[in-house]
Amino acid sequence: MSSAGTPGAARTFPELIRSAAASHGDAVAITLETEAGRESVTFADLDRQSAALARGLLARGVGKGARVGFIFGNGPGFAIALAAIARTGAVAVPISTMLRAGELVRVLRQSDVQGLIVQRTMLGKDLVARLTEALPELVGQACGALRLPRVPYLRWIVSSGEGLPTAAEAMGWLTDAGAELGEDLLLEVESEVHPTDQMIEIYTSGSMALPKGVRHLHGAVMARSHWLAEMLGVQAGEERPAQLPMFWVGGLMLYLLPGWERGAVTTCTERTLSNSRFAMGSVLAEEDLERIKGPQPWWGLGMSETLGPYGWGDEFRVPGRPVCAPMDHFAPGYDIRIADEDGRAVGDGEIGEMQVRGPAVATGLHKIDRAEHYTPDGYLRTGDLCLVEDRADGRRIHFVGRGGDMIKVSGSNVSPAEVEMELQALDGVHSAYVVGLPDRERGALLVAALVPRDGAVLDMVAIEARLRGGLSGYKVPRAWVELARDEVPLLHSNKVARREIARIVAERLSENAV
């Protein structure tokens, strides 16, 4: 494989790595600020260090199609691990640093990883210790010969630092083995990495479902990176703070890859929006909206399966619909339709599911039958419910909620987002969470958990009266609970855990009824 060409023309990740090193060389690529100090790598460093690690992976038997996991926060370590795995033709499986024991075991088993590269510490937590807590049967086993019935394909773990358990080896276990392999072999391996090969598997974290492994190809990732770099106006040498985790699609596609391609400096800290107490995946308060508003484009919908955002609007938001930007633009290469339950396109003023297809849409989900999430004609069923608005100047699409979040009350669908939006427009309400509890008469009893603004006293009777003036009667909650901000349950992704909110609300109402 030749290293000629420009990063913006790369069709595989190995091509991107080599061309970026040739184009940007000793310019700083990624920085990481921690309490211990500042770590920086150049584009040449990324090429050299990932090549050494890639040769080590090859020496240890990793090759085309093998599945290698890595647990890293944002920073140089993440980029080097990703690049090394991709250079060998293996499938890179980034794993969240925020997973707890049970979640971690489920992802490791579901993903079928053969090897695991682990950052030793993050935010004061020993990630290897977390791994041994999740898998106590690692004790006494040897790296390279792991035998774990709960994670049956895992054979080795590498990390760094002192005091590693016997089941894990230092990074030298890979890089020392790779020192015997020449550059010529790595070049030949990279020449057999094709745009149609799977590059990465991103594990999602939904508010209602178990994590899923989303498959993407080298060619799709590269084409998407090229478009986003242009769309975002990324410039060589500019500093771009990575606000979202790179182990999920937002940090990967909006920060790391466009910066790598254009020669920008991706600046990282150990904390991102997703490991704060910032409740994502819900209607946001005014001050929270300002935190994420940023410059144009004002993104609408996007997900792991679509390699990030694919729709955006000329306005950040419009009155009455603050959940996301009203979408009047869609990225090239995406076919979209808003369809009813029978797959027919809906018209002006109607609500249907957003369905998407195109070369950047995931080829499938690991171990899940394609028919579960794709239509017979190839559209991904996103689960996002959208309202169609036909205007004189064109069609606009409004997101109204997730299909799984809709609540059936007396035979009618209620969008929690719509009710939450009305509640958060009221004085004294910082945030609102609307859920449904089982009810024999109505099918579901609509209830609301409200978080007051600092110093505010909520009058639930007055709030209900105000709401009845602006919503149909069946959309008005029949019961009310007040929560403190730190009582709002969040998943490790900082998405609101709505099932847990429903449990808390049911318990509070039961206690009050006694």
Protein backbone atom coordinates (compact mmCIF):
# COMPACT_ATOMS: atom_id res chain seq x y z
CA MET A 1 0.00 0.00 0.00
CA SER A 2 1.32 3.44 -0.86
CA SER A 3 1.26 6.30 1.64
CA ALA A 4 0.64 8.74 -1.23
CA GLY A 5 -2.52 10.79 -1.33
CA THR A 6 -4.20 13.26 0.95
CA PRO A 7 -6.16 12.52 4.12
CA GLY A 8 -9.31 13.88 2.48
CA ALA A 9 -9.10 11.16 -0.18
CA ALA A 10 -8.50 8.22 2.21
CA ARG A 11 -10.86 5.29 1.73
CA THR A 12 -9.57 3.18 4.63
CA PHE A 13 -8.26 4.01 8.07
CA PRO A 14 -4.69 2.87 7.25
CA GLU A 15 -4.69 5.32 4.35
CA LEU A 16 -5.85 8.11 6.66
CA ILE A 17 -3.15 7.41 9.24
CA ARG A 18 -0.28 7.39 6.77
CA SER A 19 -1.47 10.33 4.69
CA ALA A 20 -2.18 12.43 7.80
CA ALA A 21 1.36 11.76 9.05
CA ALA A 22 2.76 12.75 5.66
CA SER A 23 0.60 15.89 5.44
CA HIS A 24 0.70 17.13 9.04
CA GLY A 25 3.86 15.47 10.39
CA ASP A 26 5.13 17.06 13.61
CA ALA A 27 2.06 19.22 14.19
CA VAL A 28 0.27 18.44 17.44
CA ALA A 29 -2.70 16.14 16.82
CA ILE A 30 -4.19 15.39 20.25
CA THR A 31 -3.66 16.77 23.75
CA LEU A 32 -4.97 15.46 27.06
CA GLU A 33 -5.16 17.52 30.24
CA THR A 34 -5.28 15.60 33.52
CA GLU A 35 -4.41 16.39 37.12
CA ALA A 36 -1.03 14.77 36.45
CA GLY A 37 -0.25 17.16 33.59
CA ARG A 38 -0.52 17.52 29.84
CA GLU A 39 0.09 14.76 27.29
CA SER A 40 0.45 15.52 23.58
CA VAL A 41 1.10 13.52 20.43
CA THR A 42 1.81 14.64 16.89
CA PHE A 43 0.40 13.14 13.72
CA ALA A 44 3.77 11.46 13.14
CA ASP A 45 3.58 10.03 16.68
CA LEU A 46 0.14 8.58 15.97
CA ASP A 47 1.49 6.86 12.88
CA ARG A 48 4.64 5.52 14.55
CA GLN A 49 3.09 4.39 17.84
CA SER A 50 0.03 2.80 16.25
CA ALA A 51 2.27 0.98 13.76
CA ALA A 52 4.31 -0.51 16.62
CA LEU A 53 1.13 -1.63 18.37
CA ALA A 54 -0.33 -2.96 15.10
CA ARG A 55 2.77 -5.13 14.53
CA GLY A 56 2.36 -6.45 18.07
CA LEU A 57 -1.26 -7.35 17.40
CA LEU A 58 -0.22 -9.19 14.24
CA ALA A 59 2.50 -11.05 16.15
CA ARG A 60 -0.09 -12.18 18.70
CA GLY A 61 -2.37 -13.59 16.03
CA VAL A 62 -4.72 -10.68 15.40
CA GLY A 63 -5.68 -10.23 11.77
CA LYS A 64 -8.49 -9.57 9.32
CA GLY A 65 -11.85 -9.84 11.04
CA ALA A 66 -10.52 -10.49 14.56
CA ARG A 67 -12.35 -8.52 17.25
CA VAL A 68 -10.28 -6.40 19.65
CA GLY A 69 -11.78 -4.30 22.42
CA PHE A 70 -10.25 -1.24 24.04
CA ILE A 71 -11.29 0.80 27.06
CA PHE A 72 -9.95 4.36 26.89
CA GLY A 73 -11.20 7.82 27.64
CA ASN A 74 -10.63 10.68 25.20
CA GLY A 75 -6.96 11.27 24.44
CA PRO A 76 -3.92 9.94 22.60
CA GLY A 77 -4.33 6.41 24.00
CA PHE A 78 -7.77 6.04 22.44
CA ALA A 79 -6.54 7.21 19.02
CA ILE A 80 -3.47 4.95 19.05
CA ALA A 81 -5.46 1.86 20.03
CA LEU A 82 -8.13 2.55 17.40
CA ALA A 83 -5.54 3.14 14.68
CA ALA A 84 -3.50 0.05 15.56
CA ILE A 85 -6.49 -2.27 15.45
CA ALA A 86 -7.81 -0.76 12.21
CA ARG A 87 -4.40 -1.07 10.52
CA THR A 88 -4.44 -4.85 10.97
CA GLY A 89 -7.88 -5.25 9.39
CA ALA A 90 -9.33 -6.30 12.73
CA VAL A 91 -12.59 -4.92 14.08
CA ALA A 92 -12.07 -2.19 16.68
CA VAL A 93 -14.57 -2.37 19.55
CA PRO A 94 -14.40 0.78 21.74
CA ILE A 95 -15.93 0.17 25.17
CA SER A 96 -17.27 2.83 27.51
CA THR A 97 -15.12 3.75 30.50
CA MET A 98 -18.32 4.28 32.50
CA LEU A 99 -19.63 0.71 32.43
CA ARG A 100 -20.08 -1.01 35.77
CA ALA A 101 -19.43 -4.69 36.46
CA GLY A 102 -22.61 -6.27 35.08
CA GLU A 103 -22.76 -3.93 32.06
CA LEU A 104 -19.09 -4.57 31.26
CA VAL A 105 -19.49 -8.35 31.27
CA ARG A 106 -22.54 -8.11 28.99
CA VAL A 107 -20.68 -5.97 26.44
CA LEU A 108 -17.55 -8.15 26.52
CA ARG A 109 -19.64 -11.26 25.95
CA GLN A 110 -21.90 -9.74 23.30
CA SER A 111 -18.97 -8.30 21.35
CA ASP A 112 -16.94 -11.56 21.15
CA VAL A 113 -13.65 -9.71 21.70
CA GLN A 114 -10.47 -11.79 21.53
CA GLY A 115 -8.22 -9.25 23.21
CA LEU A 116 -8.65 -6.18 25.36
CA ILE A 117 -6.43 -3.08 25.68
CA VAL A 118 -7.23 -1.13 28.83
CA GLN A 119 -6.28 2.35 30.04
CA ARG A 120 -5.06 1.84 33.58
CA THR A 121 -6.66 4.77 35.38
CA MET A 122 -9.21 7.47 34.65
CA LEU A 123 -10.65 10.07 37.02
CA GLY A 124 -8.89 8.29 39.88
CA LYS A 125 -10.44 4.90 39.07
CA ASP A 126 -8.35 1.80 38.31
CA LEU A 127 -10.01 0.38 35.18
CA VAL A 128 -8.15 -2.93 35.43
CA ALA A 129 -9.39 -3.34 38.99
CA ARG A 130 -12.91 -2.67 37.70
CA LEU A 131 -12.38 -5.43 35.15
CA THR A 132 -11.26 -7.94 37.78
CA GLU A 133 -14.22 -6.92 39.94
CA ALA A 134 -16.50 -7.72 37.01
CA LEU A 135 -14.68 -10.98 36.27
CA PRO A 136 -13.25 -12.36 39.56
CA GLU A 137 -12.47 -15.61 37.75
CA LEU A 138 -9.52 -13.77 36.14
CA VAL A 139 -7.56 -14.25 39.37
CA GLY A 140 -4.78 -16.77 38.87
CA GLN A 141 -5.14 -16.97 35.09
CA ALA A 142 -2.41 -16.00 32.63
CA CYS A 143 -2.57 -13.44 29.83
CA GLY A 144 -2.73 -15.16 26.45
CA ALA A 145 -4.43 -18.23 27.86
CA LEU A 146 -7.54 -16.83 29.52
CA ARG A 147 -10.44 -19.26 29.96
CA LEU A 148 -13.60 -17.42 30.99
CA PRO A 149 -16.96 -19.14 30.42
CA ARG A 150 -18.81 -15.81 30.81
CA VAL A 151 -16.59 -14.18 28.16
CA PRO A 152 -15.60 -17.25 26.16
CA TYR A 153 -13.61 -15.63 23.33
CA LEU A 154 -11.40 -13.37 25.47
CA ARG A 155 -7.79 -14.61 25.56
CA TRP A 156 -5.65 -11.65 26.60
CA ILE A 157 -5.67 -8.30 28.38
CA VAL A 158 -2.96 -5.63 28.28
CA SER A 159 -2.63 -2.41 30.24
CA SER A 160 0.09 -0.37 31.94
CA GLY A 161 1.44 0.59 35.35
CA GLU A 162 2.53 -1.32 38.42
CA GLY A 163 0.74 -4.16 40.15
CA LEU A 164 -1.10 -5.67 37.20
CA PRO A 165 -2.87 -8.97 37.97
CA THR A 166 -1.41 -12.09 36.34
CA ALA A 167 -4.29 -12.15 33.87
CA ALA A 168 -3.08 -8.86 32.36
CA GLU A 169 0.27 -7.99 30.83
CA ALA A 170 2.04 -4.70 30.24
CA MET A 171 1.82 -3.15 26.78
CA GLY A 172 5.27 -4.58 26.03
CA TRP A 173 3.60 -7.99 25.70
CA LEU A 174 2.34 -6.68 22.37
CA THR A 175 4.96 -4.17 21.26
CA ASP A 176 7.96 -6.38 22.12
CA ALA A 177 6.45 -9.23 20.12
CA GLY A 178 5.87 -6.89 17.21
CA ALA A 179 9.47 -5.69 17.12
CA GLU A 180 10.37 -8.80 15.13
CA LEU A 181 7.93 -7.93 12.35
CA GLY A 182 9.13 -5.60 9.62
CA GLU A 183 7.47 -2.55 8.12
CA ASP A 184 7.08 -4.44 4.86
CA LEU A 185 4.69 -6.96 6.45
CA LEU A 186 2.54 -4.21 7.97
CA LEU A 187 2.38 -2.48 4.57
CA GLU A 188 1.20 -5.68 2.93
CA VAL A 189 -1.42 -6.22 5.63
CA GLU A 190 -2.70 -2.66 5.18
CA SER A 191 -2.93 -3.19 1.43
CA GLU A 192 -5.50 -5.91 2.12
CA VAL A 193 -7.69 -3.64 4.22
CA HIS A 194 -10.52 -2.62 1.91
CA PRO A 195 -13.29 0.00 2.11
CA THR A 196 -15.81 -2.85 2.32
CA ASP A 197 -14.17 -4.39 5.41
CA GLN A 198 -15.70 -3.76 8.81
CA MET A 199 -13.63 -1.23 10.74
CA ILE A 200 -15.48 -0.59 13.99
CA GLU A 201 -18.34 -1.76 16.17
CA ILE A 202 -19.87 0.95 18.36
CA TYR A 203 -21.85 -0.13 21.41
CA THR A 204 -24.88 2.06 21.96
CA SER A 205 -26.52 2.97 25.21
CA GLY A 206 -30.24 3.50 24.84
CA SER A 207 -32.57 4.80 27.54
CA MET A 208 -34.85 1.76 27.26
CA ALA A 209 -32.91 -1.08 25.58
CA LEU A 210 -29.79 -3.15 26.20
CA PRO A 211 -26.59 -2.04 24.40
CA LYS A 212 -26.23 -3.05 20.76
CA GLY A 213 -23.10 -3.43 18.63
CA VAL A 214 -23.38 -1.25 15.50
CA ARG A 215 -21.20 -2.30 12.56
CA HIS A 216 -19.53 0.20 10.23
CA LEU A 217 -17.15 -0.24 7.29
CA HIS A 218 -13.86 1.53 6.57
CA GLY A 219 -15.25 3.19 3.45
CA ALA A 220 -18.35 4.53 5.19
CA VAL A 221 -16.39 5.90 8.14
CA MET A 222 -13.91 7.65 5.86
CA ALA A 223 -16.54 9.14 3.54
CA ARG A 224 -18.50 10.40 6.52
CA SER A 225 -15.38 11.91 8.09
CA HIS A 226 -14.57 13.76 4.87
CA TRP A 227 -18.06 15.26 4.70
CA LEU A 228 -18.17 16.24 8.37
CA ALA A 229 -14.71 17.84 8.21
CA GLU A 230 -15.99 20.05 5.39
CA MET A 231 -19.37 20.69 6.99
CA LEU A 232 -17.81 21.69 10.31
CA GLY A 233 -15.15 23.86 8.63
CA VAL A 234 -12.27 22.15 10.44
CA GLN A 235 -8.98 23.99 9.90
CA ALA A 236 -5.38 22.86 10.29
CA GLY A 237 -3.85 23.96 13.60
CA GLU A 238 -7.10 25.07 15.24
CA GLU A 239 -7.89 23.70 18.69
CA ARG A 240 -11.13 21.72 18.86
CA PRO A 241 -12.27 20.60 22.35
CA ALA A 242 -13.71 17.07 22.29
CA GLN A 243 -16.84 17.48 24.41
CA LEU A 244 -18.27 14.00 23.81
CA PRO A 245 -16.71 10.56 24.42
CA MET A 246 -14.83 9.06 21.50
CA PHE A 247 -16.02 5.56 22.40
CA TRP A 248 -19.43 6.69 21.13
CA VAL A 249 -20.23 8.06 17.73
CA GLY A 250 -20.42 11.75 18.75
CA GLY A 251 -16.84 12.10 19.94
CA LEU A 252 -15.49 9.87 17.19
CA MET A 253 -17.17 11.47 14.19
CA LEU A 254 -17.53 15.11 15.27
CA TYR A 255 -14.11 15.60 16.86
CA LEU A 256 -11.45 12.91 16.49
CA LEU A 257 -11.69 11.93 12.82
CA PRO A 258 -12.36 15.34 11.22
CA GLY A 259 -9.49 16.80 13.25
CA TRP A 260 -7.19 13.95 12.28
CA GLU A 261 -8.01 14.47 8.63
CA ARG A 262 -7.61 18.25 8.55
CA GLY A 263 -4.63 18.63 10.89
CA ALA A 264 -6.52 20.25 13.76
CA VAL A 265 -5.58 19.84 17.43
CA THR A 266 -8.15 17.72 19.25
CA THR A 267 -8.01 18.86 22.89
CA CYS A 268 -9.26 16.45 25.54
CA THR A 269 -9.92 16.32 29.25
CA GLU A 270 -10.96 13.31 31.31
CA ARG A 271 -14.44 14.77 31.76
CA THR A 272 -16.95 15.14 28.95
CA LEU A 273 -20.64 16.06 28.83
CA SER A 274 -21.46 12.37 29.22
CA ASN A 275 -19.69 11.85 32.54
CA SER A 276 -21.13 14.94 34.17
CA ARG A 277 -24.53 15.24 35.86
CA PHE A 278 -25.91 16.64 32.60
CA ALA A 279 -29.14 14.80 31.79
CA MET A 280 -29.10 13.98 28.09
CA GLY A 281 -31.84 12.52 25.91
CA SER A 282 -34.62 14.68 27.34
CA VAL A 283 -36.22 18.10 26.95
CA LEU A 284 -33.59 20.51 28.26
CA ALA A 285 -33.83 23.61 30.42
CA GLU A 286 -32.87 26.96 28.86
CA GLU A 287 -29.42 27.06 30.47
CA ASP A 288 -28.69 23.48 29.36
CA LEU A 289 -29.73 24.31 25.80
CA GLU A 290 -27.25 27.18 25.76
CA ARG A 291 -24.46 24.81 26.84
CA ILE A 292 -24.91 22.63 23.78
CA LYS A 293 -26.08 25.21 21.26
CA GLY A 294 -22.69 25.94 19.74
CA PRO A 295 -22.19 27.33 16.24
CA GLN A 296 -24.06 26.23 13.14
CA PRO A 297 -24.89 23.69 11.82
CA TRP A 298 -27.71 23.21 14.29
CA TRP A 299 -27.96 19.47 14.25
CA GLY A 300 -31.22 17.58 14.46
CA LEU A 301 -31.20 13.79 14.50
CA GLY A 302 -28.32 11.35 14.46
CA MET A 303 -27.38 8.05 16.05
CA SER A 304 -24.69 5.38 16.14
CA GLU A 305 -26.36 3.56 13.24
CA THR A 306 -26.10 6.65 11.01
CA LEU A 307 -22.51 7.56 11.95
CA GLY A 308 -23.65 10.68 13.73
CA PRO A 309 -25.97 13.55 12.75
CA TYR A 310 -27.57 13.51 9.33
CA GLY A 311 -30.23 16.23 9.58
CA TRP A 312 -29.96 19.89 10.55
CA GLY A 313 -31.91 23.12 10.47
CA ASP A 314 -31.50 26.79 9.63
CA GLU A 315 -32.90 27.56 13.11
CA PHE A 316 -31.60 26.25 16.42
CA ARG A 317 -35.15 25.73 17.61
CA VAL A 318 -38.65 27.07 17.04
CA PRO A 319 -41.30 28.03 19.60
CA GLY A 320 -43.02 24.99 21.04
CA ARG A 321 -40.42 22.49 19.80
CA PRO A 322 -37.18 22.73 21.78
CA VAL A 323 -36.26 19.03 21.68
CA CYS A 324 -33.97 19.46 18.65
CA ALA A 325 -33.54 21.71 15.64
CA PRO A 326 -36.36 21.60 13.05
CA MET A 327 -34.75 19.79 10.14
CA ASP A 328 -34.94 21.26 6.67
CA HIS A 329 -31.60 19.87 5.43
CA PHE A 330 -30.28 16.31 5.21
CA ALA A 331 -26.77 15.12 4.45
CA PRO A 332 -26.08 13.79 0.94
CA GLY A 333 -26.27 10.04 0.62
CA TYR A 334 -29.10 9.60 3.13
CA ASP A 335 -32.54 8.65 1.88
CA ILE A 336 -35.16 9.48 4.49
CA ARG A 337 -38.86 8.87 4.84
CA ILE A 338 -41.36 9.46 7.61
CA ALA A 339 -43.55 6.38 7.60
CA ASP A 340 -46.62 5.06 9.41
CA GLU A 341 -46.87 1.60 10.98
CA ASP A 342 -47.57 0.09 7.55
CA GLY A 343 -44.50 1.68 5.97
CA ARG A 344 -46.42 4.32 4.02
CA ALA A 345 -45.05 7.87 3.90
CA VAL A 346 -47.08 10.30 6.02
CA GLY A 347 -48.18 13.74 4.89
CA ASP A 348 -48.31 17.30 6.18
CA GLY A 349 -49.26 17.53 9.84
CA GLU A 350 -48.89 13.78 10.41
CA ILE A 351 -46.49 11.90 12.67
CA GLY A 352 -44.50 8.85 11.59
CA GLU A 353 -41.22 7.08 12.22
CA MET A 354 -38.00 8.43 10.75
CA GLN A 355 -36.51 5.76 8.47
CA VAL A 356 -33.07 6.15 6.90
CA ARG A 357 -30.95 4.30 4.38
CA GLY A 358 -27.70 4.99 2.53
CA PRO A 359 -24.03 3.95 2.40
CA ALA A 360 -23.23 5.58 5.77
CA VAL A 361 -26.00 3.68 7.57
CA ALA A 362 -24.79 0.67 9.58
CA THR A 363 -24.63 -2.59 7.66
CA GLY A 364 -26.27 -4.31 10.62
CA LEU A 365 -26.13 -4.99 14.34
CA HIS A 366 -23.89 -7.69 15.79
CA LYS A 367 -25.76 -10.93 16.48
CA ILE A 368 -29.14 -9.35 15.70
CA ASP A 369 -31.21 -10.38 12.68
CA ARG A 370 -31.31 -7.53 10.19
CA ALA A 371 -35.08 -7.80 9.85
CA GLU A 372 -35.49 -6.66 13.45
CA HIS A 373 -34.29 -3.13 12.66
CA TYR A 374 -34.43 -2.74 8.86
CA THR A 375 -37.35 -2.67 6.43
CA PRO A 376 -37.42 -5.09 3.47
CA ASP A 377 -36.34 -2.25 1.16
CA GLY A 378 -33.31 -1.41 3.28
CA TYR A 379 -34.40 1.48 5.50
CA LEU A 380 -33.22 1.55 9.11
CA ARG A 381 -36.14 1.93 11.49
CA THR A 382 -34.71 4.56 13.84
CA GLY A 383 -37.53 4.59 16.39
CA ASP A 384 -37.59 8.41 16.20
CA LEU A 385 -41.09 9.84 15.76
CA CYS A 386 -41.30 12.96 13.62
CA LEU A 387 -43.94 15.44 12.52
CA VAL A 388 -44.02 16.50 8.87
CA GLU A 389 -44.58 20.19 8.13
CA ASP A 390 -45.00 21.18 4.50
CA ARG A 391 -44.33 24.90 3.99
CA ALA A 392 -44.16 27.24 1.03
CA ASP A 393 -40.37 27.19 1.28
CA GLY A 394 -40.11 23.41 1.57
CA ARG A 395 -40.62 20.52 3.94
CA ARG A 396 -39.51 20.70 7.58
CA ILE A 397 -39.28 17.73 9.93
CA HIS A 398 -39.82 18.03 13.70
CA PHE A 399 -38.68 15.35 16.14
CA VAL A 400 -41.46 14.66 18.67
CA GLY A 401 -40.13 11.71 20.67
CA ARG A 402 -38.91 8.14 20.67
CA GLY A 403 -41.39 5.50 19.60
CA GLY A 404 -40.67 3.41 22.69
CA ASP A 405 -41.31 6.43 24.90
CA MET A 406 -44.83 7.12 23.63
CA ILE A 407 -47.53 6.54 26.26
CA LYS A 408 -50.97 5.20 25.33
CA VAL A 409 -53.60 6.98 27.45
CA SER A 410 -57.26 6.08 26.89
CA GLY A 411 -56.47 4.92 23.36
CA SER A 412 -54.48 8.06 22.40
CA ASN A 413 -50.72 8.43 22.08
CA VAL A 414 -49.03 11.00 24.33
CA SER A 415 -45.52 12.23 23.59
CA PRO A 416 -43.68 12.77 26.90
CA ALA A 417 -41.50 15.38 25.20
CA GLU A 418 -44.52 17.51 24.29
CA VAL A 419 -45.82 17.55 27.88
CA GLU A 420 -42.35 18.11 29.32
CA MET A 421 -41.88 21.06 26.98
CA GLU A 422 -45.05 22.70 28.29
CA LEU A 423 -44.06 22.08 31.90
CA GLN A 424 -40.59 23.51 31.51
CA ALA A 425 -42.04 26.72 30.12
CA LEU A 426 -43.59 27.37 33.53
CA ASP A 427 -41.91 29.57 36.14
CA GLY A 428 -40.05 27.62 38.77
CA VAL A 429 -39.70 24.37 36.80
CA HIS A 430 -36.14 23.47 35.90
CA SER A 431 -36.85 20.09 34.31
CA ALA A 432 -39.75 17.69 33.94
CA TYR A 433 -40.02 13.96 33.28
CA VAL A 434 -43.33 12.44 32.18
CA VAL A 435 -43.90 8.68 32.42
CA GLY A 436 -46.82 6.27 32.33
CA LEU A 437 -47.82 3.89 35.13
CA PRO A 438 -50.10 0.89 34.52
CA ASP A 439 -53.77 1.80 34.91
CA ARG A 440 -56.73 -0.57 34.44
CA GLU A 441 -59.11 2.09 33.13
CA ARG A 442 -56.89 4.29 30.96
CA GLY A 443 -54.19 1.82 29.94
CA ALA A 444 -51.63 4.17 31.46
CA LEU A 445 -51.79 6.81 34.15
CA LEU A 446 -49.82 9.88 33.05
CA VAL A 447 -47.59 11.16 35.87
CA ALA A 448 -44.93 13.87 36.04
CA ALA A 449 -41.78 14.24 38.12
CA LEU A 450 -40.73 17.89 38.40
CA VAL A 451 -37.38 19.34 39.42
CA PRO A 452 -37.75 22.89 40.79
CA ARG A 453 -35.35 25.70 40.05
CA ASP A 454 -33.12 26.70 42.93
CA GLY A 455 -35.21 28.42 45.60
CA ALA A 456 -38.52 27.80 43.84
CA VAL A 457 -41.58 26.30 45.54
CA LEU A 458 -43.79 24.32 43.19
CA ASP A 459 -47.58 24.52 43.48
CA MET A 460 -48.70 21.33 41.74
CA VAL A 461 -52.40 22.32 41.75
CA ALA A 462 -51.62 25.59 39.98
CA ILE A 463 -49.29 23.84 37.56
CA GLU A 464 -51.97 21.34 36.60
CA ALA A 465 -54.47 24.16 36.05
CA ARG A 466 -52.01 26.03 33.81
CA LEU A 467 -51.35 22.89 31.81
CA ARG A 468 -55.06 22.29 31.17
CA GLY A 469 -55.18 25.66 29.44
CA GLY A 470 -52.60 24.61 26.87
CA LEU A 471 -53.03 20.85 26.35
CA SER A 472 -55.79 18.36 25.62
CA GLY A 473 -57.13 16.81 28.81
CA TYR A 474 -55.67 13.34 28.19
CA LYS A 475 -52.17 14.87 27.94
CA VAL A 476 -52.32 16.44 31.41
CA PRO A 477 -50.63 14.34 34.13
CA ARG A 478 -52.98 13.00 36.80
CA ALA A 479 -50.32 12.72 39.52
CA TRP A 480 -47.26 14.76 40.48
CA VAL A 481 -43.97 14.11 42.28
CA GLU A 482 -41.16 16.54 43.10
CA LEU A 483 -37.53 15.46 42.69
CA ALA A 484 -34.25 17.13 43.56
CA ARG A 485 -31.76 17.44 40.71
CA ASP A 486 -29.45 14.83 42.20
CA GLU A 487 -32.36 12.40 42.48
CA VAL A 488 -32.86 12.19 38.72
CA PRO A 489 -31.58 8.70 37.81
CA LEU A 490 -29.14 8.58 34.89
CA LEU A 491 -27.66 5.77 32.86
CA HIS A 492 -23.86 5.66 32.53
CA SER A 493 -24.34 7.64 29.29
CA ASN A 494 -26.10 10.42 31.25
CA LYS A 495 -29.35 9.65 29.47
CA VAL A 496 -32.34 9.80 31.77
CA ALA A 497 -33.29 6.35 33.08
CA ARG A 498 -37.03 6.60 32.48
CA ARG A 499 -37.84 3.16 33.80
CA GLU A 500 -36.16 4.10 37.05
CA ILE A 501 -38.08 7.40 37.16
CA ALA A 502 -41.32 5.44 36.75
CA ARG A 503 -40.31 3.19 39.67
CA ILE A 504 -39.45 6.15 41.90
CA VAL A 505 -42.67 7.95 41.04
CA ALA A 506 -44.76 4.83 41.73
CA GLU A 507 -43.07 4.40 45.13
CA ARG A 508 -43.58 8.04 46.10
CA LEU A 509 -47.24 7.98 45.10
CA SER A 510 -47.78 4.76 47.01
CA GLU A 511 -46.17 6.23 50.12
CA ASN A 512 -48.31 9.37 49.89
CA ALA A 513 -51.46 7.27 49.54
CA VAL A 514 -50.86 5.48 52.85
